[in-house]
Amino acid sequence: MKLSKKQRELICSKTYREIRDVAKVNQSTIKRMRDRINDMKVGTLEKILKQVWGMDLKEFLSIE
């Protein structure tokens, strides 16, 4: 899956520290989300999206 420009902007709108502190994930997980999102577990991605941005996976995938 390749991220659209708006999806990438959303993910990059928060710093590593902001995401880490809210979602309680480590820096390598955040780097994976930004660079190799295909390698992420779906549950982890859903958790980060829900806690940091308040959206679910369907909403994230519908961003174009």
PDB file of N, CA and C in Angstrom:
ATOM      1  N   MET A   1       0.841  -1.168   0.000  1.00  0.00           N
ATOM      2  CA  MET A   1       0.000   0.000   0.000  1.00  0.00           C
ATOM      3  C   MET A   1       0.888   1.233   0.000  1.00  0.00           C
ATOM      4  N   LYS A   2       0.626   2.120  -0.911  1.00  0.00           N
ATOM      5  CA  LYS A   2       1.367   3.372  -0.966  1.00  0.00           C
ATOM      6  C   LYS A   2       0.492   4.464  -0.374  1.00  0.00           C
ATOM      7  N   LEU A   3       1.072   5.266   0.485  1.00  0.00           N
ATOM      8  CA  LEU A   3       0.318   6.336   1.129  1.00  0.00           C
ATOM      9  C   LEU A   3       0.055   7.466   0.148  1.00  0.00           C
ATOM     10  N   SER A   4      -1.149   8.018   0.203  1.00  0.00           N
ATOM     11  CA  SER A   4      -1.445   9.195  -0.605  1.00  0.00           C
ATOM     12  C   SER A   4      -0.760  10.402   0.043  1.00  0.00           C
ATOM     13  N   LYS A   5      -0.738  11.495  -0.681  1.00  0.00           N
ATOM     14  CA  LYS A   5      -0.084  12.696  -0.173  1.00  0.00           C
ATOM     15  C   LYS A   5      -0.751  13.178   1.121  1.00  0.00           C
ATOM     16  N   LYS A   6      -2.085  13.142   1.163  1.00  0.00           N
ATOM     17  CA  LYS A   6      -2.801  13.612   2.359  1.00  0.00           C
ATOM     18  C   LYS A   6      -2.605  12.665   3.538  1.00  0.00           C
ATOM     19  N   GLN A   7      -2.525  11.355   3.275  1.00  0.00           N
ATOM     20  CA  GLN A   7      -2.260  10.400   4.351  1.00  0.00           C
ATOM     21  C   GLN A   7      -0.877  10.657   4.938  1.00  0.00           C
ATOM     22  N   ARG A   8       0.108  10.870   4.074  1.00  0.00           N
ATOM     23  CA  ARG A   8       1.468  11.144   4.540  1.00  0.00           C
ATOM     24  C   ARG A   8       1.515  12.443   5.340  1.00  0.00           C
ATOM     25  N   GLU A   9       0.806  13.477   4.871  1.00  0.00           N
ATOM     26  CA  GLU A   9       0.769  14.747   5.604  1.00  0.00           C
ATOM     27  C   GLU A   9       0.170  14.553   6.992  1.00  0.00           C
ATOM     28  N   LEU A  10      -0.881  13.738   7.087  1.00  0.00           N
ATOM     29  CA  LEU A  10      -1.511  13.473   8.378  1.00  0.00           C
ATOM     30  C   LEU A  10      -0.526  12.792   9.320  1.00  0.00           C
ATOM     31  N   ILE A  11       0.145  11.760   8.835  1.00  0.00           N
ATOM     32  CA  ILE A  11       1.084  11.016   9.671  1.00  0.00           C
ATOM     33  C   ILE A  11       2.259  11.898  10.089  1.00  0.00           C
ATOM     34  N   CYS A  12       2.721  12.749   9.195  1.00  0.00           N
ATOM     35  CA  CYS A  12       3.874  13.597   9.500  1.00  0.00           C
ATOM     36  C   CYS A  12       3.487  14.882  10.236  1.00  0.00           C
ATOM     37  N   SER A  13       2.190  15.090  10.478  1.00  0.00           N
ATOM     38  CA  SER A  13       1.757  16.314  11.159  1.00  0.00           C
ATOM     39  C   SER A  13       2.105  16.308  12.642  1.00  0.00           C
ATOM     40  N   LYS A  14       2.380  15.155  13.188  1.00  0.00           N
ATOM     41  CA  LYS A  14       2.757  15.036  14.602  1.00  0.00           C
ATOM     42  C   LYS A  14       4.212  14.588  14.683  1.00  0.00           C
ATOM     43  N   THR A  15       4.893  15.039  15.725  1.00  0.00           N
ATOM     44  CA  THR A  15       6.281  14.638  15.917  1.00  0.00           C
ATOM     45  C   THR A  15       6.347  13.231  16.501  1.00  0.00           C
ATOM     46  N   TYR A  16       7.528  12.632  16.422  1.00  0.00           N
ATOM     47  CA  TYR A  16       7.743  11.310  17.015  1.00  0.00           C
ATOM     48  C   TYR A  16       7.335  11.320  18.485  1.00  0.00           C
ATOM     49  N   ARG A  17       7.748  12.355  19.203  1.00  0.00           N
ATOM     50  CA  ARG A  17       7.480  12.423  20.646  1.00  0.00           C
ATOM     51  C   ARG A  17       5.983  12.504  20.935  1.00  0.00           C
ATOM     52  N   GLU A  18       5.239  13.305  20.170  1.00  0.00           N
ATOM     53  CA  GLU A  18       3.794  13.419  20.389  1.00  0.00           C
ATOM     54  C   GLU A  18       3.106  12.069  20.199  1.00  0.00           C
ATOM     55  N   ILE A  19       3.457  11.370  19.132  1.00  0.00           N
ATOM     56  CA  ILE A  19       2.849  10.063  18.856  1.00  0.00           C
ATOM     57  C   ILE A  19       3.254   9.065  19.924  1.00  0.00           C
ATOM     58  N   ARG A  20       4.538   9.050  20.270  1.00  0.00           N
ATOM     59  CA  ARG A  20       5.041   8.096  21.262  1.00  0.00           C
ATOM     60  C   ARG A  20       4.372   8.284  22.616  1.00  0.00           C
ATOM     61  N   ASP A  21       4.224   9.524  23.052  1.00  0.00           N
ATOM     62  CA  ASP A  21       3.645   9.789  24.368  1.00  0.00           C
ATOM     63  C   ASP A  21       2.162   9.434  24.438  1.00  0.00           C
ATOM     64  N   VAL A  22       1.420   9.668  23.374  1.00  0.00           N
ATOM     65  CA  VAL A  22      -0.019   9.396  23.382  1.00  0.00           C
ATOM     66  C   VAL A  22      -0.303   7.913  23.175  1.00  0.00           C
ATOM     67  N   ALA A  23       0.336   7.310  22.160  1.00  0.00           N
ATOM     68  CA  ALA A  23       0.017   5.923  21.799  1.00  0.00           C
ATOM     69  C   ALA A  23       0.856   4.896  22.548  1.00  0.00           C
ATOM     70  N   LYS A  24       1.864   5.340  23.284  1.00  0.00           N
ATOM     71  CA  LYS A  24       2.733   4.434  24.046  1.00  0.00           C
ATOM     72  C   LYS A  24       3.384   3.375  23.147  1.00  0.00           C
ATOM     73  N   VAL A  25       3.948   3.829  22.025  1.00  0.00           N
ATOM     74  CA  VAL A  25       4.694   2.942  21.133  1.00  0.00           C
ATOM     75  C   VAL A  25       6.120   3.460  21.043  1.00  0.00           C
ATOM     76  N   ASN A  26       7.031   2.603  20.574  1.00  0.00           N
ATOM     77  CA  ASN A  26       8.421   3.038  20.501  1.00  0.00           C
ATOM     78  C   ASN A  26       8.712   3.721  19.164  1.00  0.00           C
ATOM     79  N   GLN A  27       9.882   4.323  19.078  1.00  0.00           N
ATOM     80  CA  GLN A  27      10.244   5.120  17.916  1.00  0.00           C
ATOM     81  C   GLN A  27      10.340   4.277  16.649  1.00  0.00           C
ATOM     82  N   SER A  28      10.768   3.028  16.750  1.00  0.00           N
ATOM     83  CA  SER A  28      10.876   2.185  15.558  1.00  0.00           C
ATOM     84  C   SER A  28       9.497   1.883  14.969  1.00  0.00           C
ATOM     85  N   THR A  29       8.477   1.782  15.815  1.00  0.00           N
ATOM     86  CA  THR A  29       7.114   1.571  15.321  1.00  0.00           C
ATOM     87  C   THR A  29       6.637   2.793  14.546  1.00  0.00           C
ATOM     88  N   ILE A  30       6.945   3.976  15.042  1.00  0.00           N
ATOM     89  CA  ILE A  30       6.553   5.206  14.358  1.00  0.00           C
ATOM     90  C   ILE A  30       7.296   5.333  13.037  1.00  0.00           C
ATOM     91  N   LYS A  31       8.575   4.995  13.033  1.00  0.00           N
ATOM     92  CA  LYS A  31       9.358   5.039  11.796  1.00  0.00           C
ATOM     93  C   LYS A  31       8.785   4.064  10.778  1.00  0.00           C
ATOM     94  N   ARG A  32       8.400   2.883  11.228  1.00  0.00           N
ATOM     95  CA  ARG A  32       7.795   1.896  10.339  1.00  0.00           C
ATOM     96  C   ARG A  32       6.493   2.436   9.750  1.00  0.00           C
ATOM     97  N   MET A  33       5.704   3.129  10.573  1.00  0.00           N
ATOM     98  CA  MET A  33       4.439   3.689  10.101  1.00  0.00           C
ATOM     99  C   MET A  33       4.692   4.730   9.011  1.00  0.00           C
ATOM    100  N   ARG A  34       5.747   5.491   9.144  1.00  0.00           N
ATOM    101  CA  ARG A  34       6.040   6.538   8.164  1.00  0.00           C
ATOM    102  C   ARG A  34       6.715   5.994   6.909  1.00  0.00           C
ATOM    103  N   ASP A  35       7.569   4.986   7.049  1.00  0.00           N
ATOM    104  CA  ASP A  35       8.377   4.531   5.914  1.00  0.00           C
ATOM    105  C   ASP A  35       7.885   3.237   5.277  1.00  0.00           C
ATOM    106  N   ARG A  36       7.507   2.257   6.094  1.00  0.00           N
ATOM    107  CA  ARG A  36       7.133   0.936   5.570  1.00  0.00           C
ATOM    108  C   ARG A  36       5.819   0.491   6.199  1.00  0.00           C
ATOM    109  N   ILE A  37       4.747   1.185   5.886  1.00  0.00           N
ATOM    110  CA  ILE A  37       3.463   0.922   6.536  1.00  0.00           C
ATOM    111  C   ILE A  37       2.961  -0.488   6.234  1.00  0.00           C
ATOM    112  N   ASN A  38       3.402  -1.092   5.129  1.00  0.00           N
ATOM    113  CA  ASN A  38       2.988  -2.463   4.793  1.00  0.00           C
ATOM    114  C   ASN A  38       3.493  -3.476   5.808  1.00  0.00           C
ATOM    115  N   ASP A  39       4.585  -3.181   6.492  1.00  0.00           N
ATOM    116  CA  ASP A  39       5.173  -4.114   7.454  1.00  0.00           C
ATOM    117  C   ASP A  39       4.525  -4.026   8.835  1.00  0.00           C
ATOM    118  N   MET A  40       3.597  -3.101   9.021  1.00  0.00           N
ATOM    119  CA  MET A  40       2.971  -2.925  10.334  1.00  0.00           C
ATOM    120  C   MET A  40       1.855  -3.930  10.560  1.00  0.00           C
ATOM    121  N   LYS A  41       1.669  -4.286  11.811  1.00  0.00           N
ATOM    122  CA  LYS A  41       0.506  -5.086  12.178  1.00  0.00           C
ATOM    123  C   LYS A  41      -0.713  -4.171  12.143  1.00  0.00           C
ATOM    124  N   VAL A  42      -1.824  -4.690  11.647  1.00  0.00           N
ATOM    125  CA  VAL A  42      -3.036  -3.883  11.510  1.00  0.00           C
ATOM    126  C   VAL A  42      -3.508  -3.367  12.867  1.00  0.00           C
ATOM    127  N   GLY A  43      -3.450  -4.202  13.879  1.00  0.00           N
ATOM    128  CA  GLY A  43      -3.893  -3.794  15.211  1.00  0.00           C
ATOM    129  C   GLY A  43      -3.094  -2.628  15.759  1.00  0.00           C
ATOM    130  N   THR A  44      -1.795  -2.641  15.524  1.00  0.00           N
ATOM    131  CA  THR A  44      -0.936  -1.551  15.992  1.00  0.00           C
ATOM    132  C   THR A  44      -1.280  -0.257  15.271  1.00  0.00           C
ATOM    133  N   LEU A  45      -1.462  -0.344  13.963  1.00  0.00           N
ATOM    134  CA  LEU A  45      -1.818   0.841  13.181  1.00  0.00           C
ATOM    135  C   LEU A  45      -3.164   1.402  13.639  1.00  0.00           C
ATOM    136  N   GLU A  46      -4.143   0.526  13.849  1.00  0.00           N
ATOM    137  CA  GLU A  46      -5.458   0.969  14.325  1.00  0.00           C
ATOM    138  C   GLU A  46      -5.354   1.659  15.683  1.00  0.00           C
ATOM    139  N   LYS A  47      -4.543   1.094  16.573  1.00  0.00           N
ATOM    140  CA  LYS A  47      -4.364   1.666  17.912  1.00  0.00           C
ATOM    141  C   LYS A  47      -3.784   3.074  17.822  1.00  0.00           C
ATOM    142  N   ILE A  48      -2.756   3.248  17.004  1.00  0.00           N
ATOM    143  CA  ILE A  48      -2.122   4.560  16.865  1.00  0.00           C
ATOM    144  C   ILE A  48      -3.100   5.565  16.266  1.00  0.00           C
ATOM    145  N   LEU A  49      -3.801   5.166  15.206  1.00  0.00           N
ATOM    146  CA  LEU A  49      -4.754   6.076  14.566  1.00  0.00           C
ATOM    147  C   LEU A  49      -5.852   6.500  15.538  1.00  0.00           C
ATOM    148  N   LYS A  50      -6.375   5.552  16.295  1.00  0.00           N
ATOM    149  CA  LYS A  50      -7.478   5.843  17.222  1.00  0.00           C
ATOM    150  C   LYS A  50      -7.009   6.767  18.344  1.00  0.00           C
ATOM    151  N   GLN A  51      -5.852   6.479  18.936  1.00  0.00           N
ATOM    152  CA  GLN A  51      -5.408   7.247  20.095  1.00  0.00           C
ATOM    153  C   GLN A  51      -4.851   8.619  19.734  1.00  0.00           C
ATOM    154  N   VAL A  52      -4.146   8.720  18.622  1.00  0.00           N
ATOM    155  CA  VAL A  52      -3.483   9.978  18.283  1.00  0.00           C
ATOM    156  C   VAL A  52      -4.396  10.903  17.481  1.00  0.00           C
ATOM    157  N   TRP A  53      -5.069  10.348  16.460  1.00  0.00           N
ATOM    158  CA  TRP A  53      -5.883  11.183  15.584  1.00  0.00           C
ATOM    159  C   TRP A  53      -7.389  10.981  15.758  1.00  0.00           C
ATOM    160  N   GLY A  54      -7.806  10.007  16.555  1.00  0.00           N
ATOM    161  CA  GLY A  54      -9.225   9.779  16.790  1.00  0.00           C
ATOM    162  C   GLY A  54      -9.975   9.270  15.577  1.00  0.00           C
ATOM    163  N   MET A  55      -9.312   8.487  14.744  1.00  0.00           N
ATOM    164  CA  MET A  55      -9.973   7.932  13.560  1.00  0.00           C
ATOM    165  C   MET A  55      -9.715   6.438  13.483  1.00  0.00           C
ATOM    166  N   ASP A  56     -10.569   5.740  12.754  1.00  0.00           N
ATOM    167  CA  ASP A  56     -10.345   4.310  12.585  1.00  0.00           C
ATOM    168  C   ASP A  56      -9.674   4.055  11.236  1.00  0.00           C
ATOM    169  N   LEU A  57      -9.388   2.798  10.962  1.00  0.00           N
ATOM    170  CA  LEU A  57      -8.650   2.431   9.756  1.00  0.00           C
ATOM    171  C   LEU A  57      -9.428   2.771   8.491  1.00  0.00           C
ATOM    172  N   LYS A  58     -10.747   2.578   8.502  1.00  0.00           N
ATOM    173  CA  LYS A  58     -11.565   2.902   7.322  1.00  0.00           C
ATOM    174  C   LYS A  58     -11.460   4.379   6.975  1.00  0.00           C
ATOM    175  N   GLU A  59     -11.537   5.233   7.986  1.00  0.00           N
ATOM    176  CA  GLU A  59     -11.429   6.673   7.748  1.00  0.00           C
ATOM    177  C   GLU A  59     -10.061   7.020   7.176  1.00  0.00           C
ATOM    178  N   PHE A  60      -9.004   6.391   7.703  1.00  0.00           N
ATOM    179  CA  PHE A  60      -7.652   6.662   7.226  1.00  0.00           C
ATOM    180  C   PHE A  60      -7.494   6.230   5.773  1.00  0.00           C
ATOM    181  N   LEU A  61      -8.028   5.055   5.441  1.00  0.00           N
ATOM    182  CA  LEU A  61      -7.902   4.553   4.074  1.00  0.00           C
ATOM    183  C   LEU A  61      -8.735   5.357   3.084  1.00  0.00           C
ATOM    184  N   SER A  62      -9.792   6.014   3.558  1.00  0.00           N
ATOM    185  CA  SER A  62     -10.638   6.794   2.651  1.00  0.00           C
ATOM    186  C   SER A  62     -10.055   8.175   2.337  1.00  0.00           C
ATOM    187  N   ILE A  63      -9.012   8.575   3.044  1.00  0.00           N
ATOM    188  CA  ILE A  63      -8.354   9.860   2.755  1.00  0.00           C
ATOM    189  C   ILE A  63      -7.637   9.722   1.417  1.00  0.00           C
ATOM    190  N   GLU A  64      -7.884  10.659   0.521  1.00  0.00           N
ATOM    191  CA  GLU A  64      -7.236  10.580  -0.800  1.00  0.00           C
ATOM    192  C   GLU A  64      -6.298  11.722  -1.023  1.00  0.00           C
TER     193      GLU A  64
END
